[in-house]
Amino acid sequence: MNGAIGFGPALVVVLVVLTLAGAGVVRFGGLGQGRAVLVAAVRAVAQLALVSLVITVILRSGWLTGLFVLLMFAIAVVTSASRIGVPRRIGWVALALASGVAPVLALVLASGVVPPQPITVVPIAGIVIGGTMTATSQSARRALDELAQRHGEYEAALALGFLPRLAALEICRPSAGQALIPALDQTRTVGLVTLPGAYVGLLLGGAGPIQAGIAQALVLIGLLAAESVAVLTTVQLVAAGFIRRDELHRRWTFAWAPRRQPSGAAR
């Protein structure tokens, strides 16, 4: 087995027990609907089975690998736009994601640090895209929620002479920056508190501890860089009004629109 996790009846039983335990805790603990845990677990198994079969095919071709990475990116964009609540701003969400993902992948591939082979490109791209998607969603949601809740402060900044973009940045930037906390914590505590998936996967695949550690360091630092750039871009796009919730934007625009006096009114 070379340390790999084997498939068999015991694995099936463990997965079922863990799924039912999670669903039971959520249901009876009043944390939500236990059905959501069951659905998520079943979807995870089904999707991983399907993806495993697909990857077996695409790893034989560089072109198929490239298309698969683009598909992952497209799904990440749609998911992030939906999570933020701005499905009509999907193009700007794609820009925010690409601003972080593209430079990191280009650097690690062009430098030769990551061999341009399907077996290495797919997992690295998946990790970077997935982490950047989460950071983009969280930063945009935090920024938009902050602007909605502290709109009075935004108006006060405008009254003091701030331009709309700068006023929005003053309000939403600190909160949106908190989207980097998970990546920062994971990077700071790696090896002390957690052993991330890339490290464990390489060990299970037969790589040595030092080789696995080097690969994991590259993944964590690359992911942190990608998320930082994506969060910065997201905050700027929110402040500029390109990523916005249309209902709230219309309300703000109406509130600040100059009121036209009726014809014939005294001036």
Protein backbone atom coordinates (compact mmCIF):
# COMPACT_ATOMS: atom_id res chain seq x y z
CA MET A 1 0.00 0.00 0.00
CA ASN A 2 3.04 2.36 0.51
CA GLY A 3 1.14 4.16 3.27
CA ALA A 4 -1.83 4.95 1.07
CA ILE A 5 -5.36 4.80 2.41
CA GLY A 6 -6.98 1.64 1.13
CA PHE A 7 -10.52 1.23 -0.15
CA GLY A 8 -12.70 -1.39 1.46
CA PRO A 9 -15.70 -2.06 3.72
CA ALA A 10 -13.98 -0.43 6.72
CA LEU A 11 -13.53 2.85 4.82
CA VAL A 12 -17.19 2.87 3.78
CA VAL A 13 -18.32 2.28 7.37
CA VAL A 14 -16.07 5.05 8.69
CA LEU A 15 -17.36 7.53 6.10
CA VAL A 16 -20.98 6.70 6.90
CA VAL A 17 -20.42 6.99 10.67
CA LEU A 18 -18.62 10.33 10.34
CA THR A 19 -21.34 11.70 8.06
CA LEU A 20 -24.17 10.64 10.38
CA ALA A 21 -22.28 11.99 13.41
CA GLY A 22 -21.80 15.38 11.76
CA ALA A 23 -25.43 15.55 10.64
CA GLY A 24 -26.65 14.52 14.09
CA VAL A 25 -24.58 17.15 15.88
CA VAL A 26 -25.80 19.88 13.54
CA ARG A 27 -29.43 18.75 13.76
CA PHE A 28 -29.78 18.19 17.50
CA GLY A 29 -27.39 20.97 18.46
CA GLY A 30 -29.58 23.53 16.72
CA LEU A 31 -26.75 24.58 14.41
CA GLY A 32 -28.77 24.18 11.24
CA GLN A 33 -30.22 21.42 9.13
CA GLY A 34 -28.53 18.05 9.42
CA ARG A 35 -29.71 17.31 5.91
CA ALA A 36 -27.22 19.86 4.60
CA VAL A 37 -24.35 17.80 6.04
CA LEU A 38 -25.70 14.62 4.47
CA VAL A 39 -26.13 16.27 1.07
CA ALA A 40 -22.65 17.82 1.24
CA ALA A 41 -21.06 14.47 2.13
CA VAL A 42 -22.83 12.59 -0.64
CA ARG A 43 -22.00 15.29 -3.17
CA ALA A 44 -18.35 15.25 -2.09
CA VAL A 45 -18.05 11.50 -2.63
CA ALA A 46 -19.86 11.60 -5.97
CA GLN A 47 -17.94 14.61 -7.25
CA LEU A 48 -14.57 13.21 -6.19
CA ALA A 49 -15.36 9.90 -7.88
CA LEU A 50 -16.30 11.70 -11.08
CA VAL A 51 -13.32 14.06 -10.94
CA SER A 52 -10.96 11.14 -10.32
CA LEU A 53 -12.19 9.46 -13.50
CA VAL A 54 -11.94 12.72 -15.45
CA ILE A 55 -8.43 13.48 -14.19
CA THR A 56 -7.31 10.01 -15.20
CA VAL A 57 -8.18 10.98 -18.78
CA ILE A 58 -7.01 14.61 -18.83
CA LEU A 59 -3.60 13.85 -17.34
CA ARG A 60 -2.75 12.21 -20.65
CA SER A 61 -2.98 15.50 -22.55
CA GLY A 62 -1.58 18.98 -21.96
CA TRP A 63 -4.48 20.60 -23.83
CA LEU A 64 -7.07 18.76 -21.77
CA THR A 65 -5.23 19.77 -18.62
CA GLY A 66 -5.36 23.43 -19.65
CA LEU A 67 -9.09 23.19 -20.39
CA PHE A 68 -9.70 21.51 -17.05
CA VAL A 69 -7.88 24.31 -15.20
CA LEU A 70 -10.01 26.88 -17.07
CA LEU A 71 -13.12 24.93 -16.09
CA MET A 72 -12.06 24.98 -12.45
CA PHE A 73 -11.51 28.74 -12.68
CA ALA A 74 -14.92 29.29 -14.32
CA ILE A 75 -16.71 27.28 -11.63
CA ALA A 76 -14.83 29.23 -8.96
CA VAL A 77 -15.94 32.53 -10.50
CA VAL A 78 -19.58 31.48 -10.67
CA THR A 79 -19.48 30.16 -7.11
CA SER A 80 -17.85 33.32 -5.78
CA ALA A 81 -20.27 35.65 -7.59
CA SER A 82 -23.20 33.65 -6.23
CA ARG A 83 -21.79 33.64 -2.70
CA ILE A 84 -21.24 37.41 -2.80
CA GLY A 85 -24.75 37.94 -4.18
CA VAL A 86 -23.67 39.71 -7.37
CA PRO A 87 -24.41 37.26 -10.23
CA ARG A 88 -24.61 40.16 -12.70
CA ARG A 89 -21.07 41.28 -11.84
CA ILE A 90 -19.47 37.97 -12.74
CA GLY A 91 -16.96 39.61 -15.09
CA TRP A 92 -15.56 41.81 -12.32
CA VAL A 93 -15.45 38.84 -9.94
CA ALA A 94 -13.47 36.95 -12.58
CA LEU A 95 -11.04 39.88 -12.79
CA ALA A 96 -10.54 39.84 -9.02
CA LEU A 97 -9.86 36.10 -9.02
CA ALA A 98 -7.56 36.24 -12.04
CA SER A 99 -5.52 39.08 -10.55
CA GLY A 100 -4.35 36.70 -7.83
CA VAL A 101 -4.35 33.34 -9.58
CA ALA A 102 -2.73 34.20 -12.92
CA PRO A 103 0.53 35.81 -11.66
CA VAL A 104 1.20 33.06 -9.12
CA LEU A 105 0.63 30.20 -11.56
CA ALA A 106 2.59 31.99 -14.28
CA LEU A 107 5.57 32.54 -11.95
CA VAL A 108 5.80 29.00 -10.57
CA LEU A 109 5.40 27.45 -14.03
CA ALA A 110 7.65 29.85 -15.96
CA SER A 111 10.42 29.55 -13.37
CA GLY A 112 10.40 25.76 -13.63
CA VAL A 113 9.84 25.37 -9.89
CA VAL A 114 6.66 23.46 -10.74
CA PRO A 115 7.21 21.18 -13.75
CA PRO A 116 4.72 21.99 -16.54
CA GLN A 117 3.26 18.51 -16.39
CA PRO A 118 -0.43 17.67 -15.92
CA ILE A 119 0.24 15.66 -12.74
CA THR A 120 1.67 18.78 -11.02
CA VAL A 121 -0.28 21.58 -12.72
CA VAL A 122 -3.74 20.31 -11.81
CA PRO A 123 -3.29 20.04 -8.01
CA ILE A 124 -1.32 23.30 -7.71
CA ALA A 125 -3.86 25.20 -9.82
CA GLY A 126 -6.75 23.67 -7.88
CA ILE A 127 -5.31 24.70 -4.51
CA VAL A 128 -4.53 28.26 -5.62
CA ILE A 129 -7.89 28.77 -7.36
CA GLY A 130 -9.85 27.32 -4.45
CA GLY A 131 -8.13 29.42 -1.80
CA THR A 132 -8.37 32.59 -3.86
CA MET A 133 -12.07 31.95 -4.50
CA THR A 134 -12.76 31.77 -0.77
CA ALA A 135 -10.75 34.91 -0.02
CA THR A 136 -12.47 36.84 -2.81
CA SER A 137 -15.93 35.81 -1.63
CA GLN A 138 -15.24 36.67 1.99
CA SER A 139 -13.59 40.03 1.27
CA ALA A 140 -16.37 41.16 -1.07
CA ARG A 141 -19.13 40.08 1.32
CA ARG A 142 -17.43 41.81 4.24
CA ALA A 143 -16.86 44.98 2.22
CA LEU A 144 -20.42 45.18 0.92
CA ASP A 145 -21.94 44.36 4.30
CA GLU A 146 -19.76 46.98 5.98
CA LEU A 147 -20.79 49.65 3.48
CA ALA A 148 -24.45 48.78 4.02
CA GLN A 149 -24.25 48.83 7.81
CA ARG A 150 -22.08 51.95 8.06
CA HIS A 151 -23.67 53.96 5.30
CA GLY A 152 -24.04 56.94 7.62
CA GLU A 153 -20.26 57.11 8.00
CA TYR A 154 -19.91 56.84 4.23
CA GLU A 155 -22.23 59.82 3.80
CA ALA A 156 -20.30 61.74 6.45
CA ALA A 157 -17.05 61.13 4.57
CA LEU A 158 -18.66 62.42 1.38
CA ALA A 159 -19.85 65.50 3.23
CA LEU A 160 -16.27 66.13 4.34
CA GLY A 161 -15.14 66.17 0.73
CA PHE A 162 -13.98 62.60 0.18
CA LEU A 163 -14.43 61.19 -3.29
CA PRO A 164 -16.90 58.24 -3.35
CA ARG A 165 -14.19 55.62 -3.96
CA LEU A 166 -11.94 56.91 -1.19
CA ALA A 167 -14.86 57.23 1.20
CA ALA A 168 -15.86 53.62 0.50
CA LEU A 169 -12.27 52.44 1.00
CA GLU A 170 -12.09 54.07 4.40
CA ILE A 171 -15.17 52.13 5.46
CA CYS A 172 -14.70 48.69 3.90
CA ARG A 173 -10.94 48.13 3.61
CA PRO A 174 -10.18 47.08 7.23
CA SER A 175 -13.07 44.62 7.36
CA ALA A 176 -12.32 43.11 3.95
CA GLY A 177 -8.71 42.57 4.95
CA GLN A 178 -9.87 40.07 7.57
CA ALA A 179 -10.49 37.63 4.72
CA LEU A 180 -6.73 36.93 4.83
CA ILE A 181 -6.81 35.72 8.44
CA PRO A 182 -7.37 32.00 7.59
CA ALA A 183 -4.45 31.97 5.12
CA LEU A 184 -2.22 33.84 7.55
CA ASP A 185 -3.06 31.49 10.42
CA GLN A 186 -2.49 28.41 8.29
CA THR A 187 0.87 29.71 7.10
CA ARG A 188 2.01 30.71 10.59
CA THR A 189 1.04 27.43 12.25
CA VAL A 190 2.00 24.96 9.52
CA GLY A 191 3.94 22.07 11.00
CA LEU A 192 3.12 23.20 14.55
CA VAL A 193 -0.66 22.89 14.62
CA THR A 194 -1.60 21.46 11.22
CA LEU A 195 -0.11 19.35 8.47
CA PRO A 196 -1.85 20.65 5.31
CA GLY A 197 -3.22 18.46 2.57
CA ALA A 198 -0.38 18.89 0.08
CA TYR A 199 2.18 17.75 2.66
CA VAL A 200 0.15 14.76 3.76
CA GLY A 201 -0.68 13.84 0.17
CA LEU A 202 2.95 13.82 -0.87
CA LEU A 203 3.87 11.70 2.12
CA LEU A 204 1.12 9.20 1.32
CA GLY A 205 2.31 9.20 -2.29
CA GLY A 206 5.79 8.12 -1.25
CA ALA A 207 7.70 11.43 -1.21
CA GLY A 208 10.20 12.14 1.54
CA PRO A 209 9.43 14.56 4.39
CA ILE A 210 11.87 17.21 3.12
CA GLN A 211 10.48 17.11 -0.42
CA ALA A 212 6.94 17.27 0.94
CA GLY A 213 7.87 20.22 3.16
CA ILE A 214 9.38 22.18 0.26
CA ALA A 215 6.29 21.61 -1.87
CA GLN A 216 4.00 22.63 0.98
CA ALA A 217 5.96 25.83 1.61
CA LEU A 218 5.63 26.75 -2.06
CA VAL A 219 1.88 26.10 -1.96
CA LEU A 220 1.27 28.10 1.21
CA ILE A 221 3.34 31.12 0.22
CA GLY A 222 1.95 31.11 -3.31
CA LEU A 223 -1.57 30.84 -1.97
CA LEU A 224 -1.00 33.70 0.47
CA ALA A 225 0.33 35.89 -2.34
CA ALA A 226 -2.59 35.04 -4.64
CA GLU A 227 -5.17 35.73 -1.93
CA SER A 228 -3.52 39.03 -0.96
CA VAL A 229 -3.61 40.35 -4.52
CA ALA A 230 -7.17 39.10 -5.06
CA VAL A 231 -8.44 40.71 -1.84
CA LEU A 232 -6.78 44.02 -2.72
CA THR A 233 -8.33 43.96 -6.19
CA THR A 234 -11.72 43.00 -4.78
CA VAL A 235 -11.72 45.88 -2.30
CA GLN A 236 -10.80 48.36 -5.04
CA LEU A 237 -13.55 47.04 -7.31
CA VAL A 238 -16.12 47.26 -4.51
CA ALA A 239 -15.07 50.80 -3.63
CA ALA A 240 -15.27 51.83 -7.27
CA GLY A 241 -18.77 50.37 -7.56
CA PHE A 242 -17.92 47.67 -10.09
CA ILE A 243 -18.75 44.88 -7.64
CA ARG A 244 -22.00 45.94 -6.00
CA ARG A 245 -25.43 44.75 -5.02
CA ASP A 246 -27.74 46.51 -7.44
CA GLU A 247 -30.59 47.11 -4.97
CA LEU A 248 -28.32 48.86 -2.50
CA HIS A 249 -26.57 50.82 -5.24
CA ARG A 250 -29.88 52.13 -6.58
CA ARG A 251 -30.93 53.23 -3.10
CA TRP A 252 -27.68 55.08 -2.54
CA THR A 253 -27.77 56.71 -5.96
CA PHE A 254 -31.33 57.92 -5.39
CA ALA A 255 -30.46 59.26 -1.95
CA TRP A 256 -27.56 61.31 -3.28
CA ALA A 257 -29.12 62.37 -6.59
CA PRO A 258 -29.63 66.13 -6.85
CA ARG A 259 -33.29 66.94 -6.34
CA ARG A 260 -34.86 68.77 -9.23
CA GLN A 261 -37.07 71.67 -8.34
CA PRO A 262 -40.49 71.81 -9.99
CA SER A 263 -40.75 74.17 -12.93
CA GLY A 264 -41.75 77.66 -11.95
CA ALA A 265 -40.54 77.25 -8.37
CA ALA A 266 -38.90 80.25 -6.80
CA ARG A 267 -35.14 80.26 -6.90
